[in-house]
Amino acid sequence: WDVNGLLDRSGNSPRRCLLILSAFLGGYEGILKEIQESKAVADPTKLGSASHSLKGVLLEAGSTKASKIAALMEQLCKEGKKDAAEALWPELEEETILFSKVVSEVHQELSQPMQ
């Protein structure tokens, strides 16, 4: 997890970090659903677009591994390699969910009143 990058993007502000993490937590599940739907209808354009969106929210929140997988999925779609892109789905889904659990824990910590 690129915590330093997250801190840089937030200007070292815990409040801004919280906003970035809140945006991730509020959006990633919908994008995962878009990816599943685009796979179901075999739409490589939609799959590439959804992968791009997921890559963006993952990068903003500081993901390293999952964002790289999403970027590769997006690139494969652009190259017309839909089957190869779809083959990355299980790993991307797993890494995104694992990352979301870490983000959720950090989000909870940042949400607590300072003592």
Protein backbone atom coordinates (compact mmCIF):
# COMPACT_ATOMS: atom_id res chain seq x y z
CA TRP A 1 0.00 0.00 0.00
CA ASP A 2 1.42 3.37 -1.01
CA VAL A 3 0.66 5.27 2.19
CA ASN A 4 3.21 7.98 1.33
CA GLY A 5 1.46 8.61 -1.98
CA LEU A 6 -1.89 8.86 -0.20
CA LEU A 7 -0.41 11.32 2.28
CA ASP A 8 1.09 13.35 -0.57
CA ARG A 9 -2.23 13.49 -2.42
CA SER A 10 -3.97 14.56 0.78
CA GLY A 11 -1.42 17.21 1.69
CA ASN A 12 -0.70 15.21 4.87
CA SER A 13 -4.21 16.01 6.06
CA PRO A 14 -5.99 13.23 7.99
CA ARG A 15 -9.31 14.79 6.96
CA ARG A 16 -8.41 14.65 3.26
CA CYS A 17 -7.11 11.08 3.67
CA LEU A 18 -10.47 10.21 5.16
CA LEU A 19 -12.26 11.79 2.19
CA ILE A 20 -10.11 9.88 -0.31
CA LEU A 21 -10.65 6.59 1.51
CA SER A 22 -14.39 7.32 1.82
CA ALA A 23 -14.59 7.86 -1.94
CA PHE A 24 -12.85 4.53 -2.55
CA LEU A 25 -15.12 2.67 -0.14
CA GLY A 26 -18.19 4.30 -1.65
CA GLY A 27 -17.29 3.47 -5.24
CA TYR A 28 -15.25 0.32 -5.67
CA GLU A 29 -18.12 -2.17 -5.27
CA GLY A 30 -20.13 -0.53 -8.04
CA ILE A 31 -17.14 -0.68 -10.36
CA LEU A 32 -16.54 -4.35 -9.54
CA LYS A 33 -20.18 -4.94 -10.47
CA GLU A 34 -19.65 -3.09 -13.78
CA ILE A 35 -16.71 -5.37 -14.54
CA GLN A 36 -18.80 -8.47 -13.79
CA GLU A 37 -21.62 -7.20 -16.00
CA SER A 38 -19.29 -6.37 -18.88
CA LYS A 39 -17.79 -9.86 -18.67
CA ALA A 40 -21.28 -11.37 -18.69
CA VAL A 41 -22.19 -9.59 -21.93
CA ALA A 42 -18.70 -10.04 -23.42
CA ASP A 43 -18.20 -6.31 -23.96
CA PRO A 44 -14.45 -5.57 -24.10
CA THR A 45 -14.99 -1.81 -24.43
CA LYS A 46 -17.08 -1.68 -21.28
CA LEU A 47 -14.64 -4.03 -19.54
CA GLY A 48 -11.73 -1.76 -20.42
CA SER A 49 -13.62 1.32 -19.27
CA ALA A 50 -14.61 -0.24 -15.96
CA SER A 51 -11.05 -1.48 -15.44
CA HIS A 52 -9.83 2.07 -16.06
CA SER A 53 -12.30 3.43 -13.48
CA LEU A 54 -11.26 0.84 -10.91
CA LYS A 55 -7.59 1.57 -11.56
CA GLY A 56 -8.28 5.24 -10.83
CA VAL A 57 -9.99 4.74 -7.48
CA LEU A 58 -7.40 2.16 -6.46
CA LEU A 59 -4.50 4.48 -7.31
CA GLU A 60 -6.11 7.43 -5.54
CA ALA A 61 -6.53 5.37 -2.36
CA GLY A 62 -2.94 4.10 -2.59
CA SER A 63 -3.30 0.55 -3.88
CA THR A 64 -0.25 -0.84 -5.58
CA LYS A 65 -0.97 -4.46 -6.52
CA ALA A 66 -4.67 -4.23 -7.42
CA SER A 67 -4.19 -1.03 -9.42
CA LYS A 68 -1.46 -2.71 -11.50
CA ILE A 69 -3.78 -5.63 -12.27
CA ALA A 70 -6.56 -3.23 -13.25
CA ALA A 71 -4.13 -1.33 -15.49
CA LEU A 72 -3.08 -4.56 -17.19
CA MET A 73 -6.71 -5.57 -17.67
CA GLU A 74 -7.43 -2.19 -19.24
CA GLN A 75 -4.43 -2.48 -21.57
CA LEU A 76 -5.36 -5.99 -22.66
CA CYS A 77 -8.86 -4.77 -23.54
CA LYS A 78 -7.38 -1.96 -25.63
CA GLU A 79 -5.27 -4.56 -27.46
CA GLY A 80 -8.36 -6.68 -28.16
CA LYS A 81 -7.26 -9.46 -25.80
CA LYS A 82 -10.57 -9.82 -24.00
CA ASP A 83 -9.99 -13.41 -22.88
CA ALA A 84 -6.61 -12.54 -21.36
CA ALA A 85 -8.18 -9.53 -19.62
CA GLU A 86 -11.01 -11.62 -18.24
CA ALA A 87 -8.51 -14.19 -16.95
CA LEU A 88 -7.19 -11.49 -14.60
CA TRP A 89 -10.60 -10.97 -13.01
CA PRO A 90 -10.32 -13.44 -10.09
CA GLU A 91 -7.00 -11.97 -8.97
CA LEU A 92 -8.20 -8.39 -9.43
CA GLU A 93 -11.38 -9.03 -7.47
CA GLU A 94 -9.49 -10.75 -4.65
CA GLU A 95 -6.81 -8.05 -4.38
CA THR A 96 -9.40 -5.27 -4.48
CA ILE A 97 -11.43 -6.87 -1.71
CA LEU A 98 -8.31 -7.43 0.41
CA PHE A 99 -7.29 -3.82 -0.14
CA SER A 100 -10.80 -2.63 0.76
CA LYS A 101 -10.55 -4.40 4.12
CA VAL A 102 -7.34 -2.55 4.95
CA VAL A 103 -8.83 0.73 3.76
CA SER A 104 -11.94 0.11 5.87
CA GLU A 105 -9.83 -0.42 9.00
CA VAL A 106 -7.79 2.72 8.37
CA HIS A 107 -10.97 4.63 7.57
CA GLN A 108 -12.44 3.59 10.92
CA GLU A 109 -9.29 4.69 12.75
CA LEU A 110 -9.26 8.08 11.03
CA SER A 111 -12.96 8.51 11.79
CA GLN A 112 -12.38 8.23 15.53
CA PRO A 113 -12.18 11.48 17.47
CA MET A 114 -8.63 12.54 18.30
CA GLN A 115 -7.80 12.15 21.98
